[in-house]
Amino acid sequence: MICTDRFIKWIVTVGLILLITIQIMMRFDGTQHYLKLVESRIQGWVGTEVKEVVVFNREEYITLKLLNGAIHKARVLLNNERDYYFSKSTIQIPVKDGDLLILDTRGISEALWFEVIDFSDKITSLKFGQQFRVKNDLQVISIEVNSQRKF
């Protein structure tokens, strides 16, 4: 039991010393230059030709801003399944093609104004600065995403 305890303490101590030493070495330009040299040699052995390009499918989004009124009462429904509430005056919602955003102001007597302040590049059904006025009702916004890639 004591030997195991000593061994674990020794491993942790050596690990910390190694970690601190590497962090100190990375502050010097010579170390970074040496790593670049090693990287270029490895690329020479392996080759610089790219075999495959990986494209990450970034999630599309819409950012809405509540311009006036009851921030905590207004909500946005996504496909009638998920609720988003305004904790501040803006809210960002992940969307896909064919989604329905529903601005829900039921139970709020004053008219609320919502503005589209940002959205991802592939969304074609909205415009920057587009505003929606909703008073004690539901407003449905259909999301269309252009799936063609732009390079």
C-alpha atoms as a PDB file:
ATOM      1  CA  MET A   1       0.000   0.000   0.000  1.00  0.00           C
ATOM      2  CA  ILE A   2       2.798   2.392   0.892  1.00  0.00           C
ATOM      3  CA  CYS A   3       4.741   1.532  -2.286  1.00  0.00           C
ATOM      4  CA  THR A   4       1.692   2.211  -4.441  1.00  0.00           C
ATOM      5  CA  ASP A   5       1.137   5.516  -2.666  1.00  0.00           C
ATOM      6  CA  ARG A   6       4.774   6.553  -3.225  1.00  0.00           C
ATOM      7  CA  PHE A   7       4.661   5.475  -6.871  1.00  0.00           C
ATOM      8  CA  ILE A   8       1.516   7.549  -7.575  1.00  0.00           C
ATOM      9  CA  LYS A   9       3.038  10.597  -5.840  1.00  0.00           C
ATOM     10  CA  TRP A  10       6.236  10.142  -7.860  1.00  0.00           C
ATOM     11  CA  ILE A  11       4.273   9.922 -11.162  1.00  0.00           C
ATOM     12  CA  VAL A  12       2.243  13.048 -10.325  1.00  0.00           C
ATOM     13  CA  THR A  13       5.379  14.977  -9.314  1.00  0.00           C
ATOM     14  CA  VAL A  14       7.285  13.997 -12.474  1.00  0.00           C
ATOM     15  CA  GLY A  15       4.229  14.861 -14.589  1.00  0.00           C
ATOM     16  CA  LEU A  16       3.926  18.317 -13.051  1.00  0.00           C
ATOM     17  CA  ILE A  17       7.642  19.019 -13.474  1.00  0.00           C
ATOM     18  CA  LEU A  18       7.464  17.913 -17.107  1.00  0.00           C
ATOM     19  CA  LEU A  19       4.389  20.043 -17.741  1.00  0.00           C
ATOM     20  CA  ILE A  20       5.975  23.146 -16.187  1.00  0.00           C
ATOM     21  CA  THR A  21       9.219  22.579 -18.108  1.00  0.00           C
ATOM     22  CA  ILE A  22       7.382  22.323 -21.444  1.00  0.00           C
ATOM     23  CA  GLN A  23       5.380  25.463 -20.692  1.00  0.00           C
ATOM     24  CA  ILE A  24       8.562  27.405 -19.911  1.00  0.00           C
ATOM     25  CA  MET A  25      10.289  26.097 -23.054  1.00  0.00           C
ATOM     26  CA  MET A  26       7.370  27.141 -25.271  1.00  0.00           C
ATOM     27  CA  ARG A  27       7.909  30.775 -24.288  1.00  0.00           C
ATOM     28  CA  PHE A  28      11.221  30.904 -26.171  1.00  0.00           C
ATOM     29  CA  ASP A  29      11.384  31.575 -29.915  1.00  0.00           C
ATOM     30  CA  GLY A  30      14.108  28.970 -30.374  1.00  0.00           C
ATOM     31  CA  THR A  31      11.800  26.197 -29.224  1.00  0.00           C
ATOM     32  CA  GLN A  32       9.052  27.312 -31.591  1.00  0.00           C
ATOM     33  CA  HIS A  33      11.585  27.532 -34.447  1.00  0.00           C
ATOM     34  CA  TYR A  34      12.795  24.013 -33.665  1.00  0.00           C
ATOM     35  CA  LEU A  35       9.238  22.673 -33.663  1.00  0.00           C
ATOM     36  CA  LYS A  36       8.586  24.299 -37.060  1.00  0.00           C
ATOM     37  CA  LEU A  37      11.769  22.635 -38.372  1.00  0.00           C
ATOM     38  CA  VAL A  38      10.641  19.237 -37.099  1.00  0.00           C
ATOM     39  CA  GLU A  39       7.194  19.795 -38.603  1.00  0.00           C
ATOM     40  CA  SER A  40       8.667  20.622 -42.025  1.00  0.00           C
ATOM     41  CA  ARG A  41      10.860  17.493 -41.939  1.00  0.00           C
ATOM     42  CA  ILE A  42       7.884  15.318 -41.067  1.00  0.00           C
ATOM     43  CA  GLN A  43       5.898  16.875 -43.918  1.00  0.00           C
ATOM     44  CA  GLY A  44       8.841  16.068 -46.207  1.00  0.00           C
ATOM     45  CA  TRP A  45       8.695  12.408 -45.224  1.00  0.00           C
ATOM     46  CA  VAL A  46       4.918  12.128 -45.323  1.00  0.00           C
ATOM     47  CA  GLY A  47       4.306  14.464 -48.249  1.00  0.00           C
ATOM     48  CA  THR A  48       2.416  17.701 -48.489  1.00  0.00           C
ATOM     49  CA  GLU A  49      -0.343  16.383 -50.716  1.00  0.00           C
ATOM     50  CA  VAL A  50      -3.764  16.619 -49.144  1.00  0.00           C
ATOM     51  CA  LYS A  51      -5.684  13.390 -49.622  1.00  0.00           C
ATOM     52  CA  GLU A  52      -9.057  14.454 -48.254  1.00  0.00           C
ATOM     53  CA  VAL A  53     -10.724  17.713 -47.363  1.00  0.00           C
ATOM     54  CA  VAL A  54     -13.028  17.615 -44.374  1.00  0.00           C
ATOM     55  CA  VAL A  55     -15.906  20.090 -44.373  1.00  0.00           C
ATOM     56  CA  PHE A  56     -17.630  20.702 -41.077  1.00  0.00           C
ATOM     57  CA  ASN A  57     -21.345  21.286 -41.416  1.00  0.00           C
ATOM     58  CA  ARG A  58     -21.849  24.352 -39.341  1.00  0.00           C
ATOM     59  CA  GLU A  59     -25.224  24.753 -37.734  1.00  0.00           C
ATOM     60  CA  GLU A  60     -27.436  27.450 -39.190  1.00  0.00           C
ATOM     61  CA  TYR A  61     -28.788  30.084 -36.816  1.00  0.00           C
ATOM     62  CA  ILE A  62     -31.006  33.126 -36.491  1.00  0.00           C
ATOM     63  CA  THR A  63     -30.550  35.954 -34.009  1.00  0.00           C
ATOM     64  CA  LEU A  64     -33.673  37.850 -32.996  1.00  0.00           C
ATOM     65  CA  LYS A  65     -33.881  41.017 -30.949  1.00  0.00           C
ATOM     66  CA  LEU A  66     -36.903  42.052 -28.914  1.00  0.00           C
ATOM     67  CA  LEU A  67     -37.111  45.790 -29.477  1.00  0.00           C
ATOM     68  CA  ASN A  68     -39.582  46.639 -26.731  1.00  0.00           C
ATOM     69  CA  GLY A  69     -41.577  45.302 -23.867  1.00  0.00           C
ATOM     70  CA  ALA A  70     -41.853  42.173 -21.792  1.00  0.00           C
ATOM     71  CA  ILE A  71     -38.539  40.378 -22.255  1.00  0.00           C
ATOM     72  CA  HIS A  72     -39.311  37.538 -19.848  1.00  0.00           C
ATOM     73  CA  LYS A  73     -42.841  36.900 -21.124  1.00  0.00           C
ATOM     74  CA  ALA A  74     -42.170  36.680 -24.861  1.00  0.00           C
ATOM     75  CA  ARG A  75     -41.002  33.343 -26.226  1.00  0.00           C
ATOM     76  CA  VAL A  76     -40.068  31.712 -29.490  1.00  0.00           C
ATOM     77  CA  LEU A  77     -41.169  28.180 -30.325  1.00  0.00           C
ATOM     78  CA  LEU A  78     -39.132  26.066 -32.725  1.00  0.00           C
ATOM     79  CA  ASN A  79     -41.345  23.591 -34.598  1.00  0.00           C
ATOM     80  CA  ASN A  80     -43.781  23.711 -31.681  1.00  0.00           C
ATOM     81  CA  GLU A  81     -41.338  21.503 -29.756  1.00  0.00           C
ATOM     82  CA  ARG A  82     -38.714  23.674 -28.136  1.00  0.00           C
ATOM     83  CA  ASP A  83     -39.168  26.956 -26.271  1.00  0.00           C
ATOM     84  CA  TYR A  84     -36.670  29.810 -26.275  1.00  0.00           C
ATOM     85  CA  TYR A  85     -37.079  32.687 -23.864  1.00  0.00           C
ATOM     86  CA  PHE A  86     -35.460  36.102 -24.003  1.00  0.00           C
ATOM     87  CA  SER A  87     -33.145  36.317 -21.006  1.00  0.00           C
ATOM     88  CA  LYS A  88     -31.755  39.504 -22.538  1.00  0.00           C
ATOM     89  CA  SER A  89     -33.083  41.460 -25.475  1.00  0.00           C
ATOM     90  CA  THR A  90     -31.472  39.103 -28.026  1.00  0.00           C
ATOM     91  CA  ILE A  91     -31.711  35.377 -28.602  1.00  0.00           C
ATOM     92  CA  GLN A  92     -29.870  33.066 -31.008  1.00  0.00           C
ATOM     93  CA  ILE A  93     -31.739  30.004 -32.267  1.00  0.00           C
ATOM     94  CA  PRO A  94     -30.236  27.060 -34.197  1.00  0.00           C
ATOM     95  CA  VAL A  95     -32.375  26.200 -37.232  1.00  0.00           C
ATOM     96  CA  LYS A  96     -32.571  23.794 -40.178  1.00  0.00           C
ATOM     97  CA  ASP A  97     -34.299  23.914 -43.542  1.00  0.00           C
ATOM     98  CA  GLY A  98     -38.071  23.710 -43.159  1.00  0.00           C
ATOM     99  CA  ASP A  99     -38.150  24.744 -39.501  1.00  0.00           C
ATOM    100  CA  LEU A 100     -40.966  26.939 -38.244  1.00  0.00           C
ATOM    101  CA  LEU A 101     -40.226  29.711 -35.771  1.00  0.00           C
ATOM    102  CA  ILE A 102     -43.284  30.869 -33.875  1.00  0.00           C
ATOM    103  CA  LEU A 103     -43.174  34.214 -32.087  1.00  0.00           C
ATOM    104  CA  ASP A 104     -45.537  33.723 -29.142  1.00  0.00           C
ATOM    105  CA  THR A 105     -46.919  36.814 -27.395  1.00  0.00           C
ATOM    106  CA  ARG A 106     -50.185  35.302 -26.158  1.00  0.00           C
ATOM    107  CA  GLY A 107     -51.209  36.873 -22.877  1.00  0.00           C
ATOM    108  CA  ILE A 108     -49.212  40.063 -23.507  1.00  0.00           C
ATOM    109  CA  SER A 109     -51.518  43.020 -24.139  1.00  0.00           C
ATOM    110  CA  GLU A 110     -48.933  45.346 -25.670  1.00  0.00           C
ATOM    111  CA  ALA A 111     -47.613  44.946 -29.220  1.00  0.00           C
ATOM    112  CA  LEU A 112     -44.068  43.583 -29.313  1.00  0.00           C
ATOM    113  CA  TRP A 113     -41.565  44.227 -32.083  1.00  0.00           C
ATOM    114  CA  PHE A 114     -39.015  41.578 -33.069  1.00  0.00           C
ATOM    115  CA  GLU A 115     -36.110  42.273 -35.412  1.00  0.00           C
ATOM    116  CA  VAL A 116     -33.853  39.868 -37.302  1.00  0.00           C
ATOM    117  CA  ILE A 117     -30.380  41.191 -36.490  1.00  0.00           C
ATOM    118  CA  ASP A 118     -28.267  38.282 -37.723  1.00  0.00           C
ATOM    119  CA  PHE A 119     -28.526  34.923 -39.448  1.00  0.00           C
ATOM    120  CA  SER A 120     -26.226  32.455 -41.166  1.00  0.00           C
ATOM    121  CA  ASP A 121     -25.332  32.950 -44.813  1.00  0.00           C
ATOM    122  CA  LYS A 122     -27.352  30.058 -46.214  1.00  0.00           C
ATOM    123  CA  ILE A 123     -30.742  31.221 -44.887  1.00  0.00           C
ATOM    124  CA  THR A 124     -32.712  32.702 -47.789  1.00  0.00           C
ATOM    125  CA  SER A 125     -36.127  33.368 -46.251  1.00  0.00           C
ATOM    126  CA  LEU A 126     -35.137  36.346 -44.084  1.00  0.00           C
ATOM    127  CA  LYS A 127     -33.650  39.797 -44.524  1.00  0.00           C
ATOM    128  CA  PHE A 128     -31.382  41.763 -42.194  1.00  0.00           C
ATOM    129  CA  GLY A 129     -33.402  44.247 -40.213  1.00  0.00           C
ATOM    130  CA  GLN A 130     -36.693  42.521 -40.990  1.00  0.00           C
ATOM    131  CA  GLN A 131     -39.211  43.293 -38.249  1.00  0.00           C
ATOM    132  CA  PHE A 132     -42.287  41.518 -36.979  1.00  0.00           C
ATOM    133  CA  ARG A 133     -45.054  43.122 -34.902  1.00  0.00           C
ATOM    134  CA  VAL A 134     -47.040  40.701 -32.760  1.00  0.00           C
ATOM    135  CA  LYS A 135     -49.763  41.581 -30.270  1.00  0.00           C
ATOM    136  CA  ASN A 136     -51.325  38.863 -28.089  1.00  0.00           C
ATOM    137  CA  ASP A 137     -50.981  36.358 -30.925  1.00  0.00           C
ATOM    138  CA  LEU A 138     -48.655  33.977 -32.777  1.00  0.00           C
ATOM    139  CA  GLN A 139     -46.467  34.888 -35.760  1.00  0.00           C
ATOM    140  CA  VAL A 140     -45.073  32.003 -37.828  1.00  0.00           C
ATOM    141  CA  ILE A 141     -41.762  32.398 -39.672  1.00  0.00           C
ATOM    142  CA  SER A 142     -40.774  29.688 -42.145  1.00  0.00           C
ATOM    143  CA  ILE A 143     -37.055  28.958 -42.518  1.00  0.00           C
ATOM    144  CA  GLU A 144     -35.575  28.182 -45.911  1.00  0.00           C
ATOM    145  CA  VAL A 145     -31.928  27.198 -46.197  1.00  0.00           C
ATOM    146  CA  ASN A 146     -30.076  27.167 -49.508  1.00  0.00           C
ATOM    147  CA  SER A 147     -28.121  23.924 -49.417  1.00  0.00           C
ATOM    148  CA  GLN A 148     -25.783  24.762 -52.310  1.00  0.00           C
ATOM    149  CA  ARG A 149     -22.192  25.280 -51.252  1.00  0.00           C
ATOM    150  CA  LYS A 150     -20.538  28.604 -51.902  1.00  0.00           C
ATOM    151  CA  PHE A 151     -16.759  28.616 -52.250  1.00  0.00           C
END
